[in-house]
PDB file of N, CA and C in Angstrom:
ATOM      1  N   MET A   1      -1.562  -5.828  26.621  1.00  0.00           N
ATOM      2  CA  MET A   1      -1.509  -6.031  25.364  1.00  0.00           C
ATOM      3  C   MET A   1      -2.450  -6.562  24.910  1.00  0.00           C
ATOM      4  N   GLN A   2      -2.737  -6.697  23.801  1.00  0.00           N
ATOM      5  CA  GLN A   2      -3.604  -7.100  22.299  1.00  0.00           C
ATOM      6  C   GLN A   2      -4.508  -8.418  22.559  1.00  0.00           C
ATOM      7  N   SER A   3      -5.257  -8.951  22.781  1.00  0.00           N
ATOM      8  CA  SER A   3      -6.435  -9.878  23.069  1.00  0.00           C
ATOM      9  C   SER A   3      -6.043 -11.054  21.641  1.00  0.00           C
ATOM     10  N   THR A   4      -5.973 -11.783  21.465  1.00  0.00           N
ATOM     11  CA  THR A   4      -5.711 -12.649  20.023  1.00  0.00           C
ATOM     12  C   THR A   4      -6.844 -11.972  19.442  1.00  0.00           C
ATOM     13  N   VAL A   5      -7.548 -12.279  19.548  1.00  0.00           N
ATOM     14  CA  VAL A   5      -8.786 -11.937  18.828  1.00  0.00           C
ATOM     15  C   VAL A   5      -9.609 -10.732  18.242  1.00  0.00           C
ATOM     16  N   ALA A   6      -8.436  -9.082  19.146  1.00  0.00           N
ATOM     17  CA  ALA A   6      -8.338  -8.300  18.281  1.00  0.00           C
ATOM     18  C   ALA A   6      -7.435  -8.600  17.350  1.00  0.00           C
ATOM     19  N   ALA A   7      -6.088  -8.885  18.162  1.00  0.00           N
ATOM     20  CA  ALA A   7      -4.551  -9.131  16.772  1.00  0.00           C
ATOM     21  C   ALA A   7      -5.701  -9.272  15.398  1.00  0.00           C
ATOM     22  N   GLU A   8      -6.165 -10.492  15.710  1.00  0.00           N
ATOM     23  CA  GLU A   8      -7.180 -10.987  14.505  1.00  0.00           C
ATOM     24  C   GLU A   8      -8.208  -9.950  13.322  1.00  0.00           C
ATOM     25  N   THR A   9      -8.468  -9.597  14.178  1.00  0.00           N
ATOM     26  CA  THR A   9      -9.229  -8.903  13.720  1.00  0.00           C
ATOM     27  C   THR A   9      -8.714  -7.754  12.967  1.00  0.00           C
ATOM     28  N   ASP A  10      -7.657  -6.991  13.536  1.00  0.00           N
ATOM     29  CA  ASP A  10      -6.698  -5.896  13.145  1.00  0.00           C
ATOM     30  C   ASP A  10      -6.009  -6.780  11.556  1.00  0.00           C
ATOM     31  N   ILE A  11      -5.631  -7.877  11.522  1.00  0.00           N
ATOM     32  CA  ILE A  11      -4.263  -8.381  10.937  1.00  0.00           C
ATOM     33  C   ILE A  11      -5.773  -8.450   9.558  1.00  0.00           C
ATOM     34  N   ASP A  12      -6.740  -9.013   9.956  1.00  0.00           N
ATOM     35  CA  ASP A  12      -7.395  -9.083   8.410  1.00  0.00           C
ATOM     36  C   ASP A  12      -8.417  -7.699   8.170  1.00  0.00           C
ATOM     37  N   GLU A  13      -8.741  -6.607   8.679  1.00  0.00           N
ATOM     38  CA  GLU A  13      -9.147  -5.121   8.517  1.00  0.00           C
ATOM     39  C   GLU A  13      -7.241  -4.440   7.656  1.00  0.00           C
ATOM     40  N   LEU A  14      -5.974  -4.747   8.295  1.00  0.00           N
ATOM     41  CA  LEU A  14      -5.127  -4.612   6.958  1.00  0.00           C
ATOM     42  C   LEU A  14      -4.812  -5.676   6.535  1.00  0.00           C
ATOM     43  N   ALA A  15      -5.306  -6.800   6.115  1.00  0.00           N
ATOM     44  CA  ALA A  15      -5.415  -7.325   4.921  1.00  0.00           C
ATOM     45  C   ALA A  15      -6.128  -7.012   3.485  1.00  0.00           C
ATOM     46  N   ALA A  16      -7.393  -6.097   3.963  1.00  0.00           N
ATOM     47  CA  ALA A  16      -8.099  -5.756   2.752  1.00  0.00           C
ATOM     48  C   ALA A  16      -7.951  -4.616   2.771  1.00  0.00           C
ATOM     49  N   LEU A  17      -7.460  -3.713   3.551  1.00  0.00           N
ATOM     50  CA  LEU A  17      -6.651  -2.293   3.566  1.00  0.00           C
ATOM     51  C   LEU A  17      -5.608  -2.546   2.514  1.00  0.00           C
ATOM     52  N   ASN A  18      -4.828  -3.477   1.953  1.00  0.00           N
ATOM     53  CA  ASN A  18      -3.640  -3.901   0.928  1.00  0.00           C
ATOM     54  C   ASN A  18      -4.027  -4.131   0.245  1.00  0.00           C
ATOM     55  N   ARG A  19      -5.226  -5.095   0.144  1.00  0.00           N
ATOM     56  CA  ARG A  19      -6.379  -5.330  -1.135  1.00  0.00           C
ATOM     57  C   ARG A  19      -6.334  -3.657  -1.900  1.00  0.00           C
ATOM     58  N   ASP A  20      -6.827  -3.164  -0.564  1.00  0.00           N
ATOM     59  CA  ASP A  20      -7.905  -1.943  -1.872  1.00  0.00           C
ATOM     60  C   ASP A  20      -7.008  -0.903  -1.640  1.00  0.00           C
ATOM     61  N   TYR A  21      -5.660  -1.234  -1.363  1.00  0.00           N
ATOM     62  CA  TYR A  21      -4.011  -0.240  -2.061  1.00  0.00           C
ATOM     63  C   TYR A  21      -3.628  -0.934  -3.226  1.00  0.00           C
ATOM     64  N   ILE A  22      -3.612  -1.708  -3.572  1.00  0.00           N
ATOM     65  CA  ILE A  22      -3.012  -2.350  -4.923  1.00  0.00           C
ATOM     66  C   ILE A  22      -4.246  -1.962  -5.955  1.00  0.00           C
ATOM     67  N   SER A  23      -5.159  -2.054  -5.485  1.00  0.00           N
ATOM     68  CA  SER A  23      -6.178  -1.833  -6.034  1.00  0.00           C
ATOM     69  C   SER A  23      -6.505  -0.899  -7.054  1.00  0.00           C
ATOM     70  N   SER A  24      -6.500   0.691  -5.973  1.00  0.00           N
ATOM     71  CA  SER A  24      -6.256   1.547  -5.974  1.00  0.00           C
ATOM     72  C   SER A  24      -5.295   1.878  -7.083  1.00  0.00           C
ATOM     73  N   VAL A  25      -4.312   1.165  -6.497  1.00  0.00           N
ATOM     74  CA  VAL A  25      -2.853   2.046  -7.438  1.00  0.00           C
ATOM     75  C   VAL A  25      -3.237   1.569  -8.623  1.00  0.00           C
ATOM     76  N   GLN A  26      -3.999  -0.044  -9.079  1.00  0.00           N
ATOM     77  CA  GLN A  26      -4.247  -0.727 -10.558  1.00  0.00           C
ATOM     78  C   GLN A  26      -5.484   0.751 -10.722  1.00  0.00           C
ATOM     79  N   ASN A  27      -6.395   1.266 -10.087  1.00  0.00           N
ATOM     80  CA  ASN A  27      -7.232   1.409 -11.139  1.00  0.00           C
ATOM     81  C   ASN A  27      -7.435   3.205 -11.113  1.00  0.00           C
ATOM     82  N   MET A  28      -6.215   3.450 -10.568  1.00  0.00           N
ATOM     83  CA  MET A  28      -6.609   5.280 -10.489  1.00  0.00           C
ATOM     84  C   MET A  28      -7.324   5.532  -9.253  1.00  0.00           C
ATOM     85  N   ASP A  29      -7.794   4.882  -8.226  1.00  0.00           N
ATOM     86  CA  ASP A  29      -8.486   5.034  -7.306  1.00  0.00           C
ATOM     87  C   ASP A  29      -8.778   6.223  -6.794  1.00  0.00           C
ATOM     88  N   VAL A  30      -8.118   7.248  -6.515  1.00  0.00           N
ATOM     89  CA  VAL A  30      -7.863   8.603  -5.689  1.00  0.00           C
ATOM     90  C   VAL A  30      -8.571   8.778  -4.412  1.00  0.00           C
ATOM     91  N   ARG A  31     -10.092   8.391  -5.238  1.00  0.00           N
ATOM     92  CA  ARG A  31     -11.122   8.823  -3.789  1.00  0.00           C
ATOM     93  C   ARG A  31     -10.598   7.506  -2.693  1.00  0.00           C
ATOM     94  N   ARG A  32     -10.234   6.164  -3.367  1.00  0.00           N
ATOM     95  CA  ARG A  32     -10.252   5.324  -1.771  1.00  0.00           C
ATOM     96  C   ARG A  32      -9.083   5.514  -1.680  1.00  0.00           C
ATOM     97  N   PHE A  33      -7.756   5.956  -2.189  1.00  0.00           N
ATOM     98  CA  PHE A  33      -6.659   6.308  -1.299  1.00  0.00           C
ATOM     99  C   PHE A  33      -6.681   7.835  -0.522  1.00  0.00           C
ATOM    100  N   ASP A  34      -7.687   8.899  -0.401  1.00  0.00           N
ATOM    101  CA  ASP A  34      -7.869   9.826   0.152  1.00  0.00           C
ATOM    102  C   ASP A  34      -8.754  10.011   1.243  1.00  0.00           C
ATOM    103  N   GLU A  35      -9.526   8.372   1.202  1.00  0.00           N
ATOM    104  CA  GLU A  35      -9.970   7.617   3.091  1.00  0.00           C
ATOM    105  C   GLU A  35      -8.705   7.210   3.205  1.00  0.00           C
ATOM    106  N   ILE A  36      -7.594   5.970   3.082  1.00  0.00           N
ATOM    107  CA  ILE A  36      -6.532   5.294   3.667  1.00  0.00           C
ATOM    108  C   ILE A  36      -5.599   6.293   3.725  1.00  0.00           C
ATOM    109  N   LEU A  37      -5.234   7.402   3.416  1.00  0.00           N
ATOM    110  CA  LEU A  37      -3.722   8.010   3.425  1.00  0.00           C
ATOM    111  C   LEU A  37      -4.018   8.475   4.490  1.00  0.00           C
ATOM    112  N   SER A  38      -3.324   9.102   5.895  1.00  0.00           N
ATOM    113  CA  SER A  38      -2.778   9.749   6.335  1.00  0.00           C
ATOM    114  C   SER A  38      -2.542  11.101   5.707  1.00  0.00           C
ATOM    115  N   GLU A  39      -2.888  11.892   6.750  1.00  0.00           N
ATOM    116  CA  GLU A  39      -2.515  13.565   6.156  1.00  0.00           C
ATOM    117  C   GLU A  39      -0.905  13.846   5.479  1.00  0.00           C
ATOM    118  N   ASP A  40      -0.190  13.165   6.596  1.00  0.00           N
ATOM    119  CA  ASP A  40       1.297  13.413   6.405  1.00  0.00           C
ATOM    120  C   ASP A  40       2.096  12.435   5.463  1.00  0.00           C
ATOM    121  N   PHE A  41       1.114  11.260   5.076  1.00  0.00           N
ATOM    122  CA  PHE A  41       1.600   9.859   3.790  1.00  0.00           C
ATOM    123  C   PHE A  41       2.838  10.641   3.438  1.00  0.00           C
ATOM    124  N   ILE A  42       3.795  10.100   2.614  1.00  0.00           N
ATOM    125  CA  ILE A  42       5.151   9.885   1.911  1.00  0.00           C
ATOM    126  C   ILE A  42       5.537   8.935   1.801  1.00  0.00           C
ATOM    127  N   CYS A  43       5.333   8.301   0.460  1.00  0.00           N
ATOM    128  CA  CYS A  43       6.007   7.433  -0.686  1.00  0.00           C
ATOM    129  C   CYS A  43       7.174   7.700  -1.197  1.00  0.00           C
ATOM    130  N   SER A  44       8.336   6.700  -0.847  1.00  0.00           N
ATOM    131  CA  SER A  44       9.440   6.815  -1.478  1.00  0.00           C
ATOM    132  C   SER A  44       8.990   5.953  -3.146  1.00  0.00           C
ATOM    133  N   ASN A  45       9.168   6.519  -4.127  1.00  0.00           N
ATOM    134  CA  ASN A  45       9.149   5.810  -5.267  1.00  0.00           C
ATOM    135  C   ASN A  45      10.041   5.036  -6.160  1.00  0.00           C
ATOM    136  N   PRO A  46       9.698   4.302  -7.211  1.00  0.00           N
ATOM    137  CA  PRO A  46      10.639   2.930  -7.507  1.00  0.00           C
ATOM    138  C   PRO A  46      11.915   4.032  -8.067  1.00  0.00           C
ATOM    139  N   ASP A  47      11.846   5.270  -9.261  1.00  0.00           N
ATOM    140  CA  ASP A  47      12.649   5.740  -8.985  1.00  0.00           C
ATOM    141  C   ASP A  47      13.648   6.793  -8.494  1.00  0.00           C
ATOM    142  N   GLY A  48      13.095   6.469  -6.650  1.00  0.00           N
ATOM    143  CA  GLY A  48      14.140   7.072  -5.827  1.00  0.00           C
ATOM    144  C   GLY A  48      13.215   8.144  -5.426  1.00  0.00           C
ATOM    145  N   SER A  49      11.960   8.287  -6.042  1.00  0.00           N
ATOM    146  CA  SER A  49      11.223  10.326  -6.122  1.00  0.00           C
ATOM    147  C   SER A  49      10.966   9.440  -4.341  1.00  0.00           C
ATOM    148  N   LYS A  50      10.835  10.867  -3.482  1.00  0.00           N
ATOM    149  CA  LYS A  50      10.307  11.178  -2.519  1.00  0.00           C
ATOM    150  C   LYS A  50       8.908  12.163  -2.311  1.00  0.00           C
ATOM    151  N   ILE A  51       7.695  11.416  -2.322  1.00  0.00           N
ATOM    152  CA  ILE A  51       6.762  12.963  -2.140  1.00  0.00           C
ATOM    153  C   ILE A  51       5.691  12.409  -1.757  1.00  0.00           C
ATOM    154  N   GLY A  52       4.864  13.520  -0.929  1.00  0.00           N
ATOM    155  CA  GLY A  52       3.942  13.563  -0.113  1.00  0.00           C
ATOM    156  C   GLY A  52       2.823  13.265  -0.703  1.00  0.00           C
ATOM    157  N   ARG A  53       1.491  13.316  -0.040  1.00  0.00           N
ATOM    158  CA  ARG A  53       0.360  12.827  -0.463  1.00  0.00           C
ATOM    159  C   ARG A  53      -0.368  13.487  -1.400  1.00  0.00           C
ATOM    160  N   ALA A  54      -0.123  14.995  -1.218  1.00  0.00           N
ATOM    161  CA  ALA A  54      -0.707  15.385  -2.441  1.00  0.00           C
ATOM    162  C   ALA A  54      -0.477  15.091  -3.976  1.00  0.00           C
ATOM    163  N   ALA A  55       1.105  14.992  -4.575  1.00  0.00           N
ATOM    164  CA  ALA A  55       1.860  14.156  -5.262  1.00  0.00           C
ATOM    165  C   ALA A  55       1.315  13.275  -5.547  1.00  0.00           C
ATOM    166  N   PHE A  56       1.356  12.181  -4.316  1.00  0.00           N
ATOM    167  CA  PHE A  56       0.927  10.658  -3.995  1.00  0.00           C
ATOM    168  C   PHE A  56      -0.761  10.591  -5.340  1.00  0.00           C
ATOM    169  N   LEU A  57      -1.283  11.318  -4.857  1.00  0.00           N
ATOM    170  CA  LEU A  57      -2.904  11.734  -4.904  1.00  0.00           C
ATOM    171  C   LEU A  57      -3.166  11.843  -6.627  1.00  0.00           C
ATOM    172  N   GLN A  58      -1.899  12.933  -7.046  1.00  0.00           N
ATOM    173  CA  GLN A  58      -1.636  12.992  -7.891  1.00  0.00           C
ATOM    174  C   GLN A  58      -1.297  12.129  -9.140  1.00  0.00           C
ATOM    175  N   GLN A  59      -0.061  11.478  -8.844  1.00  0.00           N
ATOM    176  CA  GLN A  59       0.704  10.543  -9.751  1.00  0.00           C
ATOM    177  C   GLN A  59      -1.032   9.321  -9.241  1.00  0.00           C
ATOM    178  N   THR A  60      -1.468   9.408  -8.835  1.00  0.00           N
ATOM    179  CA  THR A  60      -2.211   8.320  -8.612  1.00  0.00           C
ATOM    180  C   THR A  60      -3.750   8.117  -9.876  1.00  0.00           C
ATOM    181  N   ALA A  61      -3.595   9.367 -10.512  1.00  0.00           N
ATOM    182  CA  ALA A  61      -4.792  10.031 -11.018  1.00  0.00           C
ATOM    183  C   ALA A  61      -3.786   9.456 -12.777  1.00  0.00           C
ATOM    184  N   LYS A  62      -3.604   9.382 -12.703  1.00  0.00           N
ATOM    185  CA  LYS A  62      -2.866   8.808 -13.581  1.00  0.00           C
ATOM    186  C   LYS A  62      -2.419   7.729 -14.154  1.00  0.00           C
ATOM    187  N   PRO A  63      -3.150   7.537 -15.303  1.00  0.00           N
ATOM    188  CA  PRO A  63      -2.535   6.107 -16.366  1.00  0.00           C
ATOM    189  C   PRO A  63      -1.742   5.058 -16.202  1.00  0.00           C
ATOM    190  N   ILE A  64      -1.678   4.516 -15.237  1.00  0.00           N
ATOM    191  CA  ILE A  64      -0.162   3.168 -15.484  1.00  0.00           C
ATOM    192  C   ILE A  64       0.018   1.881 -16.563  1.00  0.00           C
ATOM    193  N   ALA A  65       1.302   1.850 -16.826  1.00  0.00           N
ATOM    194  CA  ALA A  65       1.719   1.224 -18.043  1.00  0.00           C
ATOM    195  C   ALA A  65       1.112  -0.237 -17.354  1.00  0.00           C
ATOM    196  N   ILE A  66       1.578  -0.213 -16.610  1.00  0.00           N
ATOM    197  CA  ILE A  66       1.411  -1.785 -15.642  1.00  0.00           C
ATOM    198  C   ILE A  66       0.059  -2.545 -16.043  1.00  0.00           C
ATOM    199  N   ALA A  67      -0.151  -4.030 -16.178  1.00  0.00           N
ATOM    200  CA  ALA A  67      -1.557  -4.466 -15.855  1.00  0.00           C
ATOM    201  C   ALA A  67      -1.239  -5.629 -15.086  1.00  0.00           C
ATOM    202  N   GLY A  68      -2.735  -5.779 -14.670  1.00  0.00           N
ATOM    203  CA  GLY A  68      -2.340  -7.480 -13.806  1.00  0.00           C
ATOM    204  C   GLY A  68      -2.051  -6.969 -12.215  1.00  0.00           C
ATOM    205  N   LEU A  69      -1.791  -5.664 -12.319  1.00  0.00           N
ATOM    206  CA  LEU A  69      -0.834  -6.092 -10.406  1.00  0.00           C
ATOM    207  C   LEU A  69      -1.498  -6.628  -9.371  1.00  0.00           C
ATOM    208  N   GLN A  70      -0.822  -7.803  -8.798  1.00  0.00           N
ATOM    209  CA  GLN A  70      -0.874  -8.430  -7.601  1.00  0.00           C
ATOM    210  C   GLN A  70      -0.205  -8.198  -6.455  1.00  0.00           C
ATOM    211  N   ALA A  71      -0.464  -8.460  -5.831  1.00  0.00           N
ATOM    212  CA  ALA A  71       0.795  -8.669  -4.353  1.00  0.00           C
ATOM    213  C   ALA A  71       0.348 -10.129  -3.756  1.00  0.00           C
ATOM    214  N   GLN A  72       1.970 -10.314  -3.891  1.00  0.00           N
ATOM    215  CA  GLN A  72       2.308 -11.552  -3.243  1.00  0.00           C
ATOM    216  C   GLN A  72       3.179 -11.902  -1.715  1.00  0.00           C
ATOM    217  N   ASP A  73       3.023 -13.139  -1.514  1.00  0.00           N
ATOM    218  CA  ASP A  73       3.906 -13.516   0.044  1.00  0.00           C
ATOM    219  C   ASP A  73       3.701 -11.872   0.680  1.00  0.00           C
ATOM    220  N   VAL A  74       2.483 -11.386   1.256  1.00  0.00           N
ATOM    221  CA  VAL A  74       2.250 -10.601   1.627  1.00  0.00           C
ATOM    222  C   VAL A  74       2.078 -10.514   3.352  1.00  0.00           C
ATOM    223  N   ASP A  75       3.259 -10.242   4.386  1.00  0.00           N
ATOM    224  CA  ASP A  75       3.378 -10.239   6.007  1.00  0.00           C
ATOM    225  C   ASP A  75       2.925  -9.071   6.288  1.00  0.00           C
ATOM    226  N   ILE A  76       2.033  -9.482   6.897  1.00  0.00           N
ATOM    227  CA  ILE A  76       1.895  -8.275   7.950  1.00  0.00           C
ATOM    228  C   ILE A  76       2.279  -8.183   9.317  1.00  0.00           C
ATOM    229  N   ARG A  77       2.806  -6.971   9.868  1.00  0.00           N
ATOM    230  CA  ARG A  77       3.422  -7.670  10.622  1.00  0.00           C
ATOM    231  C   ARG A  77       2.124  -6.437  11.529  1.00  0.00           C
ATOM    232  N   LEU A  78       2.266  -6.625  13.147  1.00  0.00           N
ATOM    233  CA  LEU A  78       1.121  -5.809  13.921  1.00  0.00           C
ATOM    234  C   LEU A  78       1.898  -5.980  14.930  1.00  0.00           C
ATOM    235  N   MET A  79       2.060  -4.633  15.235  1.00  0.00           N
ATOM    236  CA  MET A  79       2.480  -4.119  16.905  1.00  0.00           C
ATOM    237  C   MET A  79       1.976  -2.996  17.200  1.00  0.00           C
ATOM    238  N   GLY A  80       0.351  -3.214  17.678  1.00  0.00           N
ATOM    239  CA  GLY A  80      -0.142  -2.776  19.005  1.00  0.00           C
ATOM    240  C   GLY A  80      -0.902  -1.817  17.305  1.00  0.00           C
ATOM    241  N   ASP A  81      -0.762  -0.132  17.914  1.00  0.00           N
ATOM    242  CA  ASP A  81      -1.575   0.579  16.882  1.00  0.00           C
ATOM    243  C   ASP A  81      -0.678   0.568  15.435  1.00  0.00           C
ATOM    244  N   PHE A  82      -0.330  -0.404  15.346  1.00  0.00           N
ATOM    245  CA  PHE A  82       0.769   0.727  14.422  1.00  0.00           C
ATOM    246  C   PHE A  82       1.281  -1.081  13.892  1.00  0.00           C
ATOM    247  N   ALA A  83       1.497  -0.959  12.264  1.00  0.00           N
ATOM    248  CA  ALA A  83       1.444  -1.700  11.531  1.00  0.00           C
ATOM    249  C   ALA A  83       3.044  -2.286  10.025  1.00  0.00           C
ATOM    250  N   ILE A  84       3.065  -2.942   9.746  1.00  0.00           N
ATOM    251  CA  ILE A  84       4.269  -3.108   8.579  1.00  0.00           C
ATOM    252  C   ILE A  84       3.576  -3.837   7.891  1.00  0.00           C
ATOM    253  N   ILE A  85       3.477  -3.424   6.176  1.00  0.00           N
ATOM    254  CA  ILE A  85       3.355  -4.746   5.192  1.00  0.00           C
ATOM    255  C   ILE A  85       4.415  -4.525   4.317  1.00  0.00           C
ATOM    256  N   HIS A  86       4.993  -5.433   4.704  1.00  0.00           N
ATOM    257  CA  HIS A  86       6.045  -5.955   3.190  1.00  0.00           C
ATOM    258  C   HIS A  86       5.547  -7.149   2.383  1.00  0.00           C
ATOM    259  N   ALA A  87       5.684  -6.783   0.939  1.00  0.00           N
ATOM    260  CA  ALA A  87       4.915  -7.995   0.006  1.00  0.00           C
ATOM    261  C   ALA A  87       5.648  -7.667  -1.234  1.00  0.00           C
ATOM    262  N   ARG A  88       5.820  -8.751  -2.210  1.00  0.00           N
ATOM    263  CA  ARG A  88       6.022  -9.156  -3.233  1.00  0.00           C
ATOM    264  C   ARG A  88       5.046  -8.232  -4.048  1.00  0.00           C
ATOM    265  N   THR A  89       5.181  -8.301  -5.751  1.00  0.00           N
ATOM    266  CA  THR A  89       4.286  -7.739  -6.169  1.00  0.00           C
ATOM    267  C   THR A  89       4.539  -8.398  -7.627  1.00  0.00           C
ATOM    268  N   THR A  90       3.917  -9.051  -8.811  1.00  0.00           N
ATOM    269  CA  THR A  90       3.602  -9.121  -9.878  1.00  0.00           C
ATOM    270  C   THR A  90       3.048  -8.243 -10.841  1.00  0.00           C
ATOM    271  N   TYR A  91       3.534  -8.503 -12.021  1.00  0.00           N
ATOM    272  CA  TYR A  91       2.006  -7.508 -13.079  1.00  0.00           C
ATOM    273  C   TYR A  91       2.875  -7.630 -14.526  1.00  0.00           C
ATOM    274  N   THR A  92       2.384  -7.198 -15.341  1.00  0.00           N
ATOM    275  CA  THR A  92       2.748  -6.964 -16.382  1.00  0.00           C
ATOM    276  C   THR A  92       2.743  -5.279 -16.921  1.00  0.00           C
ATOM    277  N   LEU A  93       3.973  -5.465 -18.284  1.00  0.00           N
ATOM    278  CA  LEU A  93       4.635  -4.267 -17.997  1.00  0.00           C
ATOM    279  C   LEU A  93       4.165  -4.748 -19.880  1.00  0.00           C
ATOM    280  N   PRO A  94       3.975  -3.030 -20.396  1.00  0.00           N
ATOM    281  CA  PRO A  94       3.378  -2.835 -21.287  1.00  0.00           C
ATOM    282  C   PRO A  94       3.654  -3.219 -22.221  1.00  0.00           C
ATOM    283  N   ASP A  95       4.762  -4.322 -22.600  1.00  0.00           N
ATOM    284  CA  ASP A  95       6.065  -5.109 -24.053  1.00  0.00           C
ATOM    285  C   ASP A  95       4.508  -6.258 -23.991  1.00  0.00           C
ATOM    286  N   GLY A  96       3.952  -6.604 -22.838  1.00  0.00           N
ATOM    287  CA  GLY A  96       4.112  -8.063 -22.140  1.00  0.00           C
ATOM    288  C   GLY A  96       4.302  -9.215 -21.521  1.00  0.00           C
ATOM    289  N   THR A  97       5.849  -8.335 -21.223  1.00  0.00           N
ATOM    290  CA  THR A  97       6.802  -9.570 -20.617  1.00  0.00           C
ATOM    291  C   THR A  97       5.851  -8.730 -18.869  1.00  0.00           C
ATOM    292  N   PRO A  98       7.037  -9.907 -18.370  1.00  0.00           N
ATOM    293  CA  PRO A  98       5.578  -9.895 -16.693  1.00  0.00           C
ATOM    294  C   PRO A  98       7.075  -8.994 -15.596  1.00  0.00           C
ATOM    295  N   GLY A  99       6.512  -8.531 -14.791  1.00  0.00           N
ATOM    296  CA  GLY A  99       7.437  -7.675 -13.428  1.00  0.00           C
ATOM    297  C   GLY A  99       7.029  -7.901 -12.507  1.00  0.00           C
ATOM    298  N   GLN A 100       8.642  -7.577 -12.066  1.00  0.00           N
ATOM    299  CA  GLN A 100       7.912  -7.778 -10.184  1.00  0.00           C
ATOM    300  C   GLN A 100       8.845  -6.544  -9.767  1.00  0.00           C
ATOM    301  N   GLY A 101       8.373  -6.661  -7.961  1.00  0.00           N
ATOM    302  CA  GLY A 101       8.771  -5.467  -7.126  1.00  0.00           C
ATOM    303  C   GLY A 101       8.508  -5.940  -6.150  1.00  0.00           C
ATOM    304  N   ARG A 102       8.515  -4.824  -5.147  1.00  0.00           N
ATOM    305  CA  ARG A 102       8.434  -4.945  -3.768  1.00  0.00           C
ATOM    306  C   ARG A 102       7.804  -3.324  -2.837  1.00  0.00           C
ATOM    307  N   TYR A 103       7.176  -4.496  -2.317  1.00  0.00           N
ATOM    308  CA  TYR A 103       7.017  -3.236  -1.688  1.00  0.00           C
ATOM    309  C   TYR A 103       6.653  -3.072   0.603  1.00  0.00           C
ATOM    310  N   THR A 104       7.188  -1.892   0.819  1.00  0.00           N
ATOM    311  CA  THR A 104       6.813  -2.215   2.777  1.00  0.00           C
ATOM    312  C   THR A 104       5.490  -0.708   2.331  1.00  0.00           C
ATOM    313  N   ASP A 105       4.589  -0.909   2.979  1.00  0.00           N
ATOM    314  CA  ASP A 105       3.632   0.152   3.764  1.00  0.00           C
ATOM    315  C   ASP A 105       3.680  -0.114   5.102  1.00  0.00           C
ATOM    316  N   ILE A 106       3.268   1.051   5.539  1.00  0.00           N
ATOM    317  CA  ILE A 106       4.079   0.980   7.563  1.00  0.00           C
ATOM    318  C   ILE A 106       2.044   2.140   7.638  1.00  0.00           C
ATOM    319  N   TRP A 107       1.562   1.309   8.640  1.00  0.00           N
ATOM    320  CA  TRP A 107       0.188   2.003   8.906  1.00  0.00           C
ATOM    321  C   TRP A 107       0.023   1.685  10.423  1.00  0.00           C
ATOM    322  N   ALA A 108      -0.056   3.039  10.880  1.00  0.00           N
ATOM    323  CA  ALA A 108      -0.520   3.801  12.660  1.00  0.00           C
ATOM    324  C   ALA A 108      -2.479   3.693  11.952  1.00  0.00           C
ATOM    325  N   ARG A 109      -2.822   3.400  13.412  1.00  0.00           N
ATOM    326  CA  ARG A 109      -4.096   3.468  14.019  1.00  0.00           C
ATOM    327  C   ARG A 109      -4.261   4.897  14.464  1.00  0.00           C
ATOM    328  N   ASP A 110      -5.515   5.590  14.139  1.00  0.00           N
ATOM    329  CA  ASP A 110      -5.576   6.894  14.541  1.00  0.00           C
ATOM    330  C   ASP A 110      -7.345   7.245  14.564  1.00  0.00           C
ATOM    331  N   ARG A 111      -7.238   6.864  15.988  1.00  0.00           N
ATOM    332  CA  ARG A 111      -8.660   7.549  16.052  1.00  0.00           C
ATOM    333  C   ARG A 111      -9.560   5.994  16.006  1.00  0.00           C
ATOM    334  N   GLY A 112      -9.449   5.201  15.776  1.00  0.00           N
ATOM    335  CA  GLY A 112      -9.834   4.122  15.880  1.00  0.00           C
ATOM    336  C   GLY A 112      -9.859   3.583  14.438  1.00  0.00           C
ATOM    337  N   SER A 113      -9.238   3.993  13.671  1.00  0.00           N
ATOM    338  CA  SER A 113      -9.134   3.851  12.038  1.00  0.00           C
ATOM    339  C   SER A 113      -7.363   3.393  10.911  1.00  0.00           C
ATOM    340  N   TRP A 114      -7.020   2.781  10.876  1.00  0.00           N
ATOM    341  CA  TRP A 114      -6.087   2.206  10.286  1.00  0.00           C
ATOM    342  C   TRP A 114      -5.865   3.200   8.568  1.00  0.00           C
ATOM    343  N   LEU A 115      -4.835   4.244   8.900  1.00  0.00           N
ATOM    344  CA  LEU A 115      -3.995   4.709   7.628  1.00  0.00           C
ATOM    345  C   LEU A 115      -2.985   4.772   7.303  1.00  0.00           C
ATOM    346  N   CYS A 116      -2.647   4.834   5.825  1.00  0.00           N
ATOM    347  CA  CYS A 116      -1.075   4.362   5.496  1.00  0.00           C
ATOM    348  C   CYS A 116      -0.283   5.508   5.968  1.00  0.00           C
ATOM    349  N   VAL A 117       0.970   5.800   5.908  1.00  0.00           N
ATOM    350  CA  VAL A 117       1.662   6.588   6.406  1.00  0.00           C
ATOM    351  C   VAL A 117       2.937   7.087   5.740  1.00  0.00           C
ATOM    352  N   ALA A 118       3.384   5.890   5.434  1.00  0.00           N
ATOM    353  CA  ALA A 118       4.597   5.446   4.566  1.00  0.00           C
ATOM    354  C   ALA A 118       4.484   4.425   3.673  1.00  0.00           C
ATOM    355  N   ALA A 119       4.904   4.756   2.173  1.00  0.00           N
ATOM    356  CA  ALA A 119       5.301   3.632   1.509  1.00  0.00           C
ATOM    357  C   ALA A 119       6.631   3.629   1.142  1.00  0.00           C
ATOM    358  N   HIS A 120       7.151   2.484   0.631  1.00  0.00           N
ATOM    359  CA  HIS A 120       8.388   2.727  -0.220  1.00  0.00           C
ATOM    360  C   HIS A 120       8.544   1.525  -1.070  1.00  0.00           C
ATOM    361  N   VAL A 121       8.180   2.207  -2.542  1.00  0.00           N
ATOM    362  CA  VAL A 121       8.098   0.778  -3.984  1.00  0.00           C
ATOM    363  C   VAL A 121       9.241   0.799  -4.290  1.00  0.00           C
ATOM    364  N   THR A 122       9.718  -0.418  -4.627  1.00  0.00           N
ATOM    365  CA  THR A 122      11.097  -1.107  -5.667  1.00  0.00           C
ATOM    366  C   THR A 122      10.768  -1.988  -6.844  1.00  0.00           C
ATOM    367  N   ARG A 123      10.754  -1.718  -7.825  1.00  0.00           N
ATOM    368  CA  ARG A 123      10.866  -2.872  -9.323  1.00  0.00           C
ATOM    369  C   ARG A 123      12.006  -3.237  -9.540  1.00  0.00           C
ATOM    370  N   CYS A 124      12.001  -4.529 -10.281  1.00  0.00           N
ATOM    371  CA  CYS A 124      13.172  -5.735 -10.148  1.00  0.00           C
ATOM    372  C   CYS A 124      12.396  -5.163 -12.373  1.00  0.00           C
TER     373      CYS A 124
END
């Protein structure tokens, strides 16, 4: 069983990784994604497409139309070497209107490091 201190450390690390993930989407930070995505990463996009790691990195390199992307109501569920992050997003669309969505990211500890293995993104 994981100690409370170790669990808190993992939660803090996952919270920081979640902030990096959101920042990397907004800032097209392919380098950071290359560090935090597992080799077999899969993403379900808001349009329903499912893409692998290479396609996700290519997608990330393209400018995005939204601005001010922020994660809200972040819920990190830790299950040993496995974690699920659920959150709501807010952002501004190109015409200035507010937008929102939700995401679920799945993380796994691999050789001592947390890596994102899957993501599912929706927009409302």
